[in-house]
């Protein structure tokens, strides 16, 4: 029997920080942490035929991540993001457009043996990658939407479409407040979670709340995990690490409480490092 895999679709890029560049992009970060946790991963993205693209492919190979579904664009540059680190706990991003990952092409072999399909909203800012994403969503197993609202790279209409086509939704508190207020004034985290779950028939929604921890609404039942106090280096990729930990725990058939505990621990651990794909020892986690 073929081993099922987690397919991660979206952006691969370089975070340009003061004095250094670090590999990143939400989908690449999630794939990296899933792989660190021992999960079989397919990473679907696109880089440019340039030095930055070659370096990203080399880095993926160094991580042990497969690169067969990472396409190479002969015309467009590899993705870059200018990160404003003035406040390390609230990094601001200038995401260059257009770049290679805006033009990811469809491949019929991607979804074979798929268990979870992880995607975000940012990777759909261009019509080419958006059309590819729509095809994959209709073929996918469990569809995992990691909301990533970066103005001006989204529309209300397409975010609504994505919400209608996900089985697991992960977002942060600011995003929950913002999106739920499209339909009703915000009256609290639990009420907002239940509003989205009911309106879009989403079985599982998890919200990250920084130092206040996380909250999970799963099939109508609410679960809460307190935040872990850590010395934050930066928050780049900590939400992606949280999602990877959460999905790993679900694939291991952990309880909702244990799933949140592991996800929270991994997100907190990654926040103590610089960049979205740091080297760490998984033995530090409550696996």
C-alpha atoms as a PDB file:
ATOM      1  CA  UNK A   1       0.000   0.000   0.000  1.00  0.00           C
ATOM      2  CA  UNK A   2       1.342   3.423  -0.976  1.00  0.00           C
ATOM      3  CA  UNK A   3       2.244   5.717   1.919  1.00  0.00           C
ATOM      4  CA  UNK A   4       0.047   8.795   2.007  1.00  0.00           C
ATOM      5  CA  UNK A   5       1.721  12.174   1.880  1.00  0.00           C
ATOM      6  CA  UNK A   6       1.063  15.764   2.829  1.00  0.00           C
ATOM      7  CA  UNK A   7       1.050  18.060  -0.210  1.00  0.00           C
ATOM      8  CA  UNK A   8       2.146  21.647   0.480  1.00  0.00           C
ATOM      9  CA  UNK A   9       1.306  24.144  -2.271  1.00  0.00           C
ATOM     10  CA  UNK A  10       2.451  27.737  -2.560  1.00  0.00           C
ATOM     11  CA  UNK A  11       5.285  30.164  -2.110  1.00  0.00           C
ATOM     12  CA  UNK A  12       9.021  29.565  -1.787  1.00  0.00           C
ATOM     13  CA  UNK A  13      11.127  32.655  -1.309  1.00  0.00           C
ATOM     14  CA  UNK A  14      13.925  34.506   0.413  1.00  0.00           C
ATOM     15  CA  UNK A  15      13.232  36.669   3.456  1.00  0.00           C
ATOM     16  CA  UNK A  16      15.576  39.644   3.092  1.00  0.00           C
ATOM     17  CA  UNK A  17      16.385  40.732   6.638  1.00  0.00           C
ATOM     18  CA  UNK A  18      18.786  43.461   7.754  1.00  0.00           C
ATOM     19  CA  UNK A  19      22.240  42.140   6.887  1.00  0.00           C
ATOM     20  CA  UNK A  20      21.176  38.646   5.820  1.00  0.00           C
ATOM     21  CA  UNK A  21      18.819  36.535   3.705  1.00  0.00           C
ATOM     22  CA  UNK A  22      16.929  33.492   4.986  1.00  0.00           C
ATOM     23  CA  UNK A  23      14.951  30.866   3.026  1.00  0.00           C
ATOM     24  CA  UNK A  24      11.236  30.868   3.696  1.00  0.00           C
ATOM     25  CA  UNK A  25       7.681  31.188   2.508  1.00  0.00           C
ATOM     26  CA  UNK A  26       4.775  29.700   4.442  1.00  0.00           C
ATOM     27  CA  UNK A  27       4.456  26.531   2.369  1.00  0.00           C
ATOM     28  CA  UNK A  28       8.180  25.827   2.445  1.00  0.00           C
ATOM     29  CA  UNK A  29       8.240  26.388   6.204  1.00  0.00           C
ATOM     30  CA  UNK A  30       5.325  23.996   6.785  1.00  0.00           C
ATOM     31  CA  UNK A  31       6.928  21.364   4.544  1.00  0.00           C
ATOM     32  CA  UNK A  32      10.258  21.728   6.357  1.00  0.00           C
ATOM     33  CA  UNK A  33       8.744  21.193   9.805  1.00  0.00           C
ATOM     34  CA  UNK A  34       6.558  18.291   8.657  1.00  0.00           C
ATOM     35  CA  UNK A  35       9.665  16.639   7.235  1.00  0.00           C
ATOM     36  CA  UNK A  36      11.553  17.259  10.501  1.00  0.00           C
ATOM     37  CA  UNK A  37       8.704  15.450  12.263  1.00  0.00           C
ATOM     38  CA  UNK A  38       9.069  12.465   9.935  1.00  0.00           C
ATOM     39  CA  UNK A  39       6.103  13.109   7.647  1.00  0.00           C
ATOM     40  CA  UNK A  40       6.284  12.305   3.902  1.00  0.00           C
ATOM     41  CA  UNK A  41       5.903  15.619   2.075  1.00  0.00           C
ATOM     42  CA  UNK A  42       5.397  16.813  -1.484  1.00  0.00           C
ATOM     43  CA  UNK A  43       6.318  20.477  -1.937  1.00  0.00           C
ATOM     44  CA  UNK A  44       4.665  22.115  -4.956  1.00  0.00           C
ATOM     45  CA  UNK A  45       6.084  25.516  -5.849  1.00  0.00           C
ATOM     46  CA  UNK A  46       8.168  27.405  -8.400  1.00  0.00           C
ATOM     47  CA  UNK A  47      11.517  29.196  -8.358  1.00  0.00           C
ATOM     48  CA  UNK A  48      13.332  31.253 -10.954  1.00  0.00           C
ATOM     49  CA  UNK A  49      16.234  30.085 -13.090  1.00  0.00           C
ATOM     50  CA  UNK A  50      18.549  32.310 -11.089  1.00  0.00           C
ATOM     51  CA  UNK A  51      21.069  32.082  -8.284  1.00  0.00           C
ATOM     52  CA  UNK A  52      18.456  32.471  -5.561  1.00  0.00           C
ATOM     53  CA  UNK A  53      16.368  29.689  -7.100  1.00  0.00           C
ATOM     54  CA  UNK A  54      19.330  27.344  -7.367  1.00  0.00           C
ATOM     55  CA  UNK A  55      20.219  28.041  -3.753  1.00  0.00           C
ATOM     56  CA  UNK A  56      16.671  27.238  -2.608  1.00  0.00           C
ATOM     57  CA  UNK A  57      16.730  23.916  -4.455  1.00  0.00           C
ATOM     58  CA  UNK A  58      20.097  23.102  -2.898  1.00  0.00           C
ATOM     59  CA  UNK A  59      18.744  23.996   0.543  1.00  0.00           C
ATOM     60  CA  UNK A  60      15.709  21.744   0.053  1.00  0.00           C
ATOM     61  CA  UNK A  61      17.987  18.883  -0.941  1.00  0.00           C
ATOM     62  CA  UNK A  62      20.102  19.571   2.126  1.00  0.00           C
ATOM     63  CA  UNK A  63      16.981  19.349   4.281  1.00  0.00           C
ATOM     64  CA  UNK A  64      16.166  16.019   2.632  1.00  0.00           C
ATOM     65  CA  UNK A  65      12.996  17.421   1.066  1.00  0.00           C
ATOM     66  CA  UNK A  66      12.063  16.170  -2.432  1.00  0.00           C
ATOM     67  CA  UNK A  67      12.267  18.791  -5.193  1.00  0.00           C
ATOM     68  CA  UNK A  68      10.536  16.931  -8.039  1.00  0.00           C
ATOM     69  CA  UNK A  69       7.425  19.124  -7.821  1.00  0.00           C
ATOM     70  CA  UNK A  70       9.308  22.413  -7.527  1.00  0.00           C
ATOM     71  CA  UNK A  71       9.130  23.950 -10.994  1.00  0.00           C
ATOM     72  CA  UNK A  72      11.718  26.309 -12.515  1.00  0.00           C
ATOM     73  CA  UNK A  73      10.623  29.463 -14.350  1.00  0.00           C
ATOM     74  CA  UNK A  74      12.892  30.580 -17.179  1.00  0.00           C
ATOM     75  CA  UNK A  75      11.572  34.149 -17.197  1.00  0.00           C
ATOM     76  CA  UNK A  76      10.588  35.240 -13.703  1.00  0.00           C
ATOM     77  CA  UNK A  77      12.742  35.725 -10.633  1.00  0.00           C
ATOM     78  CA  UNK A  78      12.673  33.663  -7.467  1.00  0.00           C
ATOM     79  CA  UNK A  79      10.390  35.105  -4.793  1.00  0.00           C
ATOM     80  CA  UNK A  80      11.774  37.673  -2.371  1.00  0.00           C
ATOM     81  CA  UNK A  81      10.279  39.441   0.633  1.00  0.00           C
ATOM     82  CA  UNK A  82      11.653  42.509   2.369  1.00  0.00           C
ATOM     83  CA  UNK A  83      11.090  42.001   6.100  1.00  0.00           C
ATOM     84  CA  UNK A  84      10.878  44.976   8.459  1.00  0.00           C
ATOM     85  CA  UNK A  85      12.316  43.780  11.779  1.00  0.00           C
ATOM     86  CA  UNK A  86      11.794  47.006  13.730  1.00  0.00           C
ATOM     87  CA  UNK A  87       9.530  45.022  16.068  1.00  0.00           C
ATOM     88  CA  UNK A  88      10.735  41.363  16.111  1.00  0.00           C
ATOM     89  CA  UNK A  89       7.445  40.209  17.654  1.00  0.00           C
ATOM     90  CA  UNK A  90       5.411  41.724  14.793  1.00  0.00           C
ATOM     91  CA  UNK A  91       7.430  41.479  11.581  1.00  0.00           C
ATOM     92  CA  UNK A  92       6.123  43.476   8.591  1.00  0.00           C
ATOM     93  CA  UNK A  93       6.552  42.237   5.015  1.00  0.00           C
ATOM     94  CA  UNK A  94       6.890  43.782   1.554  1.00  0.00           C
ATOM     95  CA  UNK A  95       6.189  40.850  -0.792  1.00  0.00           C
ATOM     96  CA  UNK A  96       7.565  41.410  -4.301  1.00  0.00           C
ATOM     97  CA  UNK A  97       5.164  40.738  -7.215  1.00  0.00           C
ATOM     98  CA  UNK A  98       5.238  39.109  -9.736  1.00  0.00           C
ATOM     99  CA  UNK A  99       7.700  36.274  -9.087  1.00  0.00           C
ATOM    100  CA  UNK A 100       8.082  32.627 -10.090  1.00  0.00           C
ATOM    101  CA  UNK A 101       5.672  31.144  -7.523  1.00  0.00           C
ATOM    102  CA  UNK A 102       2.839  33.242  -8.950  1.00  0.00           C
ATOM    103  CA  UNK A 103       2.946  30.972 -12.010  1.00  0.00           C
ATOM    104  CA  UNK A 104       2.802  27.404 -10.643  1.00  0.00           C
ATOM    105  CA  UNK A 105       1.515  24.974 -13.267  1.00  0.00           C
ATOM    106  CA  UNK A 106      -0.856  22.056 -12.739  1.00  0.00           C
ATOM    107  CA  UNK A 107       0.445  18.466 -12.599  1.00  0.00           C
ATOM    108  CA  UNK A 108      -1.958  15.521 -12.536  1.00  0.00           C
ATOM    109  CA  UNK A 109       0.434  13.335 -10.515  1.00  0.00           C
ATOM    110  CA  UNK A 110       0.625  15.610  -7.458  1.00  0.00           C
ATOM    111  CA  UNK A 111      -2.471  14.374  -5.647  1.00  0.00           C
ATOM    112  CA  UNK A 112      -1.802  10.648  -5.981  1.00  0.00           C
ATOM    113  CA  UNK A 113      -1.562   9.238  -2.452  1.00  0.00           C
ATOM    114  CA  UNK A 114      -2.517  12.583  -0.910  1.00  0.00           C
ATOM    115  CA  UNK A 115      -3.763  12.674   2.684  1.00  0.00           C
ATOM    116  CA  UNK A 116      -3.654  16.380   3.565  1.00  0.00           C
ATOM    117  CA  UNK A 117      -3.416  19.278   1.095  1.00  0.00           C
ATOM    118  CA  UNK A 118      -1.954  22.422   2.683  1.00  0.00           C
ATOM    119  CA  UNK A 119      -2.357  25.779   0.959  1.00  0.00           C
ATOM    120  CA  UNK A 120      -2.567  29.458   1.812  1.00  0.00           C
ATOM    121  CA  UNK A 121      -4.263  32.529   0.450  1.00  0.00           C
ATOM    122  CA  UNK A 122      -1.130  34.439  -0.572  1.00  0.00           C
ATOM    123  CA  UNK A 123      -0.154  31.978  -3.305  1.00  0.00           C
ATOM    124  CA  UNK A 124      -3.447  32.711  -5.095  1.00  0.00           C
ATOM    125  CA  UNK A 125      -2.737  36.408  -5.705  1.00  0.00           C
ATOM    126  CA  UNK A 126      -2.083  35.774  -9.426  1.00  0.00           C
ATOM    127  CA  UNK A 127      -4.612  34.112 -11.726  1.00  0.00           C
ATOM    128  CA  UNK A 128      -2.152  31.426 -12.895  1.00  0.00           C
ATOM    129  CA  UNK A 129      -1.310  29.903  -9.502  1.00  0.00           C
ATOM    130  CA  UNK A 130      -4.902  30.553  -8.424  1.00  0.00           C
ATOM    131  CA  UNK A 131      -6.275  28.434 -11.287  1.00  0.00           C
ATOM    132  CA  UNK A 132      -3.815  25.655 -10.410  1.00  0.00           C
ATOM    133  CA  UNK A 133      -4.810  25.837  -6.749  1.00  0.00           C
ATOM    134  CA  UNK A 134      -8.499  25.581  -7.618  1.00  0.00           C
ATOM    135  CA  UNK A 135      -7.857  22.368  -9.577  1.00  0.00           C
ATOM    136  CA  UNK A 136      -5.859  20.822  -6.735  1.00  0.00           C
ATOM    137  CA  UNK A 137      -8.500  21.764  -4.151  1.00  0.00           C
ATOM    138  CA  UNK A 138     -11.142  19.876  -6.100  1.00  0.00           C
ATOM    139  CA  UNK A 139      -8.890  16.765  -6.151  1.00  0.00           C
ATOM    140  CA  UNK A 140      -7.570  16.932  -2.597  1.00  0.00           C
ATOM    141  CA  UNK A 141      -8.180  14.778   0.459  1.00  0.00           C
ATOM    142  CA  UNK A 142      -8.376  16.847   3.642  1.00  0.00           C
ATOM    143  CA  UNK A 143      -7.985  20.483   2.573  1.00  0.00           C
ATOM    144  CA  UNK A 144      -5.990  22.619   5.011  1.00  0.00           C
ATOM    145  CA  UNK A 145      -6.241  26.396   4.575  1.00  0.00           C
ATOM    146  CA  UNK A 146      -3.604  28.507   6.304  1.00  0.00           C
ATOM    147  CA  UNK A 147      -4.924  32.051   5.943  1.00  0.00           C
ATOM    148  CA  UNK A 148      -2.185  34.594   5.213  1.00  0.00           C
ATOM    149  CA  UNK A 149      -3.703  38.030   4.660  1.00  0.00           C
ATOM    150  CA  UNK A 150      -1.085  40.369   3.211  1.00  0.00           C
ATOM    151  CA  UNK A 151      -2.554  43.520   1.694  1.00  0.00           C
ATOM    152  CA  UNK A 152      -2.923  44.144  -1.210  1.00  0.00           C
ATOM    153  CA  UNK A 153      -2.484  40.477  -2.198  1.00  0.00           C
ATOM    154  CA  UNK A 154      -6.016  39.151  -1.632  1.00  0.00           C
ATOM    155  CA  UNK A 155      -9.693  39.800  -2.318  1.00  0.00           C
ATOM    156  CA  UNK A 156     -12.674  39.207  -0.060  1.00  0.00           C
ATOM    157  CA  UNK A 157     -14.329  37.168  -2.807  1.00  0.00           C
ATOM    158  CA  UNK A 158     -11.496  34.669  -3.162  1.00  0.00           C
ATOM    159  CA  UNK A 159     -10.935  34.339   0.586  1.00  0.00           C
ATOM    160  CA  UNK A 160     -14.633  33.476   0.814  1.00  0.00           C
ATOM    161  CA  UNK A 161     -14.220  30.821  -1.895  1.00  0.00           C
ATOM    162  CA  UNK A 162     -11.283  29.287  -0.026  1.00  0.00           C
ATOM    163  CA  UNK A 163     -13.284  29.197   3.206  1.00  0.00           C
ATOM    164  CA  UNK A 164     -16.012  27.329   1.352  1.00  0.00           C
ATOM    165  CA  UNK A 165     -13.477  24.708   0.226  1.00  0.00           C
ATOM    166  CA  UNK A 166     -11.484  23.826   3.352  1.00  0.00           C
ATOM    167  CA  UNK A 167     -11.794  21.099   5.968  1.00  0.00           C
ATOM    168  CA  UNK A 168      -9.242  22.533   8.399  1.00  0.00           C
ATOM    169  CA  UNK A 169      -8.744  26.281   8.825  1.00  0.00           C
ATOM    170  CA  UNK A 170      -5.778  27.793  10.629  1.00  0.00           C
ATOM    171  CA  UNK A 171      -5.508  31.529  11.235  1.00  0.00           C
ATOM    172  CA  UNK A 172      -4.226  34.003  13.798  1.00  0.00           C
ATOM    173  CA  UNK A 173      -6.364  36.141  16.078  1.00  0.00           C
ATOM    174  CA  UNK A 174      -6.077  39.305  13.976  1.00  0.00           C
ATOM    175  CA  UNK A 175      -7.231  37.366  10.912  1.00  0.00           C
ATOM    176  CA  UNK A 176     -10.104  35.797  12.841  1.00  0.00           C
ATOM    177  CA  UNK A 177     -11.295  39.199  14.069  1.00  0.00           C
ATOM    178  CA  UNK A 178     -11.002  40.709  10.593  1.00  0.00           C
ATOM    179  CA  UNK A 179     -12.698  37.919   8.623  1.00  0.00           C
ATOM    180  CA  UNK A 180     -15.492  37.234  11.112  1.00  0.00           C
ATOM    181  CA  UNK A 181     -16.305  40.963  11.166  1.00  0.00           C
ATOM    182  CA  UNK A 182     -17.296  40.693   7.499  1.00  0.00           C
ATOM    183  CA  UNK A 183     -20.431  38.983   8.766  1.00  0.00           C
ATOM    184  CA  UNK A 184     -20.965  40.165  12.346  1.00  0.00           C
ATOM    185  CA  UNK A 185     -19.246  42.517  14.822  1.00  0.00           C
ATOM    186  CA  UNK A 186     -16.554  40.660  16.786  1.00  0.00           C
ATOM    187  CA  UNK A 187     -17.903  39.481  20.156  1.00  0.00           C
ATOM    188  CA  UNK A 188     -15.122  37.173  21.285  1.00  0.00           C
ATOM    189  CA  UNK A 189     -12.861  34.435  19.972  1.00  0.00           C
ATOM    190  CA  UNK A 190     -15.182  31.494  20.571  1.00  0.00           C
ATOM    191  CA  UNK A 191     -18.167  33.266  19.005  1.00  0.00           C
ATOM    192  CA  UNK A 192     -16.091  34.148  15.939  1.00  0.00           C
ATOM    193  CA  UNK A 193     -14.874  30.563  15.571  1.00  0.00           C
ATOM    194  CA  UNK A 194     -18.408  29.218  15.767  1.00  0.00           C
ATOM    195  CA  UNK A 195     -19.609  31.833  13.278  1.00  0.00           C
ATOM    196  CA  UNK A 196     -17.091  30.743  10.626  1.00  0.00           C
ATOM    197  CA  UNK A 197     -17.580  27.041  11.366  1.00  0.00           C
ATOM    198  CA  UNK A 198     -21.343  27.340  10.925  1.00  0.00           C
ATOM    199  CA  UNK A 199     -21.313  29.695   7.952  1.00  0.00           C
ATOM    200  CA  UNK A 200     -18.809  27.696   5.909  1.00  0.00           C
ATOM    201  CA  UNK A 201     -19.353  24.221   7.374  1.00  0.00           C
ATOM    202  CA  UNK A 202     -15.697  23.926   8.444  1.00  0.00           C
ATOM    203  CA  UNK A 203     -15.172  20.901  10.759  1.00  0.00           C
ATOM    204  CA  UNK A 204     -11.891  22.078  12.310  1.00  0.00           C
ATOM    205  CA  UNK A 205     -10.727  25.642  12.993  1.00  0.00           C
ATOM    206  CA  UNK A 206      -7.663  26.523  15.032  1.00  0.00           C
ATOM    207  CA  UNK A 207      -6.607  30.051  15.963  1.00  0.00           C
ATOM    208  CA  UNK A 208      -3.185  31.091  17.242  1.00  0.00           C
ATOM    209  CA  UNK A 209      -3.132  33.942  19.753  1.00  0.00           C
ATOM    210  CA  UNK A 210       0.569  34.533  20.378  1.00  0.00           C
ATOM    211  CA  UNK A 211       1.474  34.512  24.062  1.00  0.00           C
ATOM    212  CA  UNK A 212      -2.190  33.813  24.895  1.00  0.00           C
ATOM    213  CA  UNK A 213      -1.925  30.353  23.351  1.00  0.00           C
ATOM    214  CA  UNK A 214      -4.321  28.667  20.959  1.00  0.00           C
ATOM    215  CA  UNK A 215      -7.967  27.705  20.633  1.00  0.00           C
ATOM    216  CA  UNK A 216      -9.430  24.835  18.617  1.00  0.00           C
ATOM    217  CA  UNK A 217     -13.027  24.300  17.539  1.00  0.00           C
ATOM    218  CA  UNK A 218     -13.418  20.719  16.329  1.00  0.00           C
ATOM    219  CA  UNK A 219     -16.835  19.376  15.355  1.00  0.00           C
ATOM    220  CA  UNK A 220     -18.462  21.823  17.769  1.00  0.00           C
ATOM    221  CA  UNK A 221     -16.204  21.063  20.762  1.00  0.00           C
ATOM    222  CA  UNK A 222     -13.857  23.761  22.053  1.00  0.00           C
ATOM    223  CA  UNK A 223     -10.288  23.147  23.253  1.00  0.00           C
ATOM    224  CA  UNK A 224      -7.734  25.606  24.637  1.00  0.00           C
ATOM    225  CA  UNK A 225      -3.977  25.489  25.186  1.00  0.00           C
ATOM    226  CA  UNK A 226      -2.132  28.183  27.124  1.00  0.00           C
ATOM    227  CA  UNK A 227       0.835  29.996  25.614  1.00  0.00           C
ATOM    228  CA  UNK A 228       4.407  29.004  26.401  1.00  0.00           C
ATOM    229  CA  UNK A 229       6.611  31.872  27.643  1.00  0.00           C
ATOM    230  CA  UNK A 230       9.775  31.976  25.536  1.00  0.00           C
ATOM    231  CA  UNK A 231      12.416  34.525  24.591  1.00  0.00           C
ATOM    232  CA  UNK A 232      11.357  35.480  21.060  1.00  0.00           C
ATOM    233  CA  UNK A 233      14.091  35.904  18.438  1.00  0.00           C
ATOM    234  CA  UNK A 234      11.496  36.581  15.740  1.00  0.00           C
ATOM    235  CA  UNK A 235       8.059  35.276  14.803  1.00  0.00           C
ATOM    236  CA  UNK A 236       8.924  34.342  11.209  1.00  0.00           C
ATOM    237  CA  UNK A 237       7.576  30.860  10.552  1.00  0.00           C
ATOM    238  CA  UNK A 238       6.302  30.159  14.066  1.00  0.00           C
ATOM    239  CA  UNK A 239       2.713  29.898  12.815  1.00  0.00           C
ATOM    240  CA  UNK A 240       3.856  27.573  10.040  1.00  0.00           C
ATOM    241  CA  UNK A 241       5.643  25.399  12.593  1.00  0.00           C
ATOM    242  CA  UNK A 242       2.466  25.353  14.691  1.00  0.00           C
ATOM    243  CA  UNK A 243       0.457  24.085  11.719  1.00  0.00           C
ATOM    244  CA  UNK A 244       3.034  21.396  10.930  1.00  0.00           C
ATOM    245  CA  UNK A 245       2.934  20.178  14.522  1.00  0.00           C
ATOM    246  CA  UNK A 246      -0.855  20.170  14.512  1.00  0.00           C
ATOM    247  CA  UNK A 247      -1.084  18.132  11.295  1.00  0.00           C
ATOM    248  CA  UNK A 248       1.609  15.712  12.451  1.00  0.00           C
ATOM    249  CA  UNK A 249      -0.323  15.066  15.659  1.00  0.00           C
ATOM    250  CA  UNK A 250      -3.538  14.499  13.718  1.00  0.00           C
ATOM    251  CA  UNK A 251      -1.815  12.027  11.407  1.00  0.00           C
ATOM    252  CA  UNK A 252      -0.590  10.256  14.545  1.00  0.00           C
ATOM    253  CA  UNK A 253      -4.226  10.184  15.757  1.00  0.00           C
ATOM    254  CA  UNK A 254      -3.456  12.246  18.847  1.00  0.00           C
ATOM    255  CA  UNK A 255      -6.256  13.744  20.914  1.00  0.00           C
ATOM    256  CA  UNK A 256      -7.232  17.379  20.257  1.00  0.00           C
ATOM    257  CA  UNK A 257      -5.555  18.364  23.534  1.00  0.00           C
ATOM    258  CA  UNK A 258      -2.290  16.614  22.636  1.00  0.00           C
ATOM    259  CA  UNK A 259      -2.430  18.019  19.104  1.00  0.00           C
ATOM    260  CA  UNK A 260      -2.625  21.566  20.455  1.00  0.00           C
ATOM    261  CA  UNK A 261       0.096  20.868  23.010  1.00  0.00           C
ATOM    262  CA  UNK A 262       2.545  19.652  20.368  1.00  0.00           C
ATOM    263  CA  UNK A 263       1.660  22.397  17.899  1.00  0.00           C
ATOM    264  CA  UNK A 264       2.030  25.096  20.533  1.00  0.00           C
ATOM    265  CA  UNK A 265       5.365  23.707  21.674  1.00  0.00           C
ATOM    266  CA  UNK A 266       6.781  23.632  18.142  1.00  0.00           C
ATOM    267  CA  UNK A 267       5.546  27.137  17.323  1.00  0.00           C
ATOM    268  CA  UNK A 268       7.084  28.474  20.534  1.00  0.00           C
ATOM    269  CA  UNK A 269      10.351  26.641  19.920  1.00  0.00           C
ATOM    270  CA  UNK A 270      10.742  28.055  16.407  1.00  0.00           C
ATOM    271  CA  UNK A 271      10.062  31.582  17.709  1.00  0.00           C
ATOM    272  CA  UNK A 272      13.260  31.314  19.769  1.00  0.00           C
ATOM    273  CA  UNK A 273      15.287  31.034  16.543  1.00  0.00           C
ATOM    274  CA  UNK A 274      15.827  33.420  13.636  1.00  0.00           C
ATOM    275  CA  UNK A 275      14.075  32.539  10.372  1.00  0.00           C
ATOM    276  CA  UNK A 276      11.323  30.127   9.412  1.00  0.00           C
ATOM    277  CA  UNK A 277      13.399  26.953   8.931  1.00  0.00           C
ATOM    278  CA  UNK A 278      15.878  26.768  11.822  1.00  0.00           C
ATOM    279  CA  UNK A 279      17.778  23.665  12.819  1.00  0.00           C
ATOM    280  CA  UNK A 280      16.413  22.166  16.052  1.00  0.00           C
ATOM    281  CA  UNK A 281      16.145  18.855  17.858  1.00  0.00           C
ATOM    282  CA  UNK A 282      12.657  17.302  17.834  1.00  0.00           C
ATOM    283  CA  UNK A 283      13.526  15.653  21.162  1.00  0.00           C
ATOM    284  CA  UNK A 284      12.789  19.067  22.684  1.00  0.00           C
ATOM    285  CA  UNK A 285       9.105  18.503  21.842  1.00  0.00           C
ATOM    286  CA  UNK A 286       6.352  16.552  23.674  1.00  0.00           C
ATOM    287  CA  UNK A 287       6.020  13.958  20.879  1.00  0.00           C
END
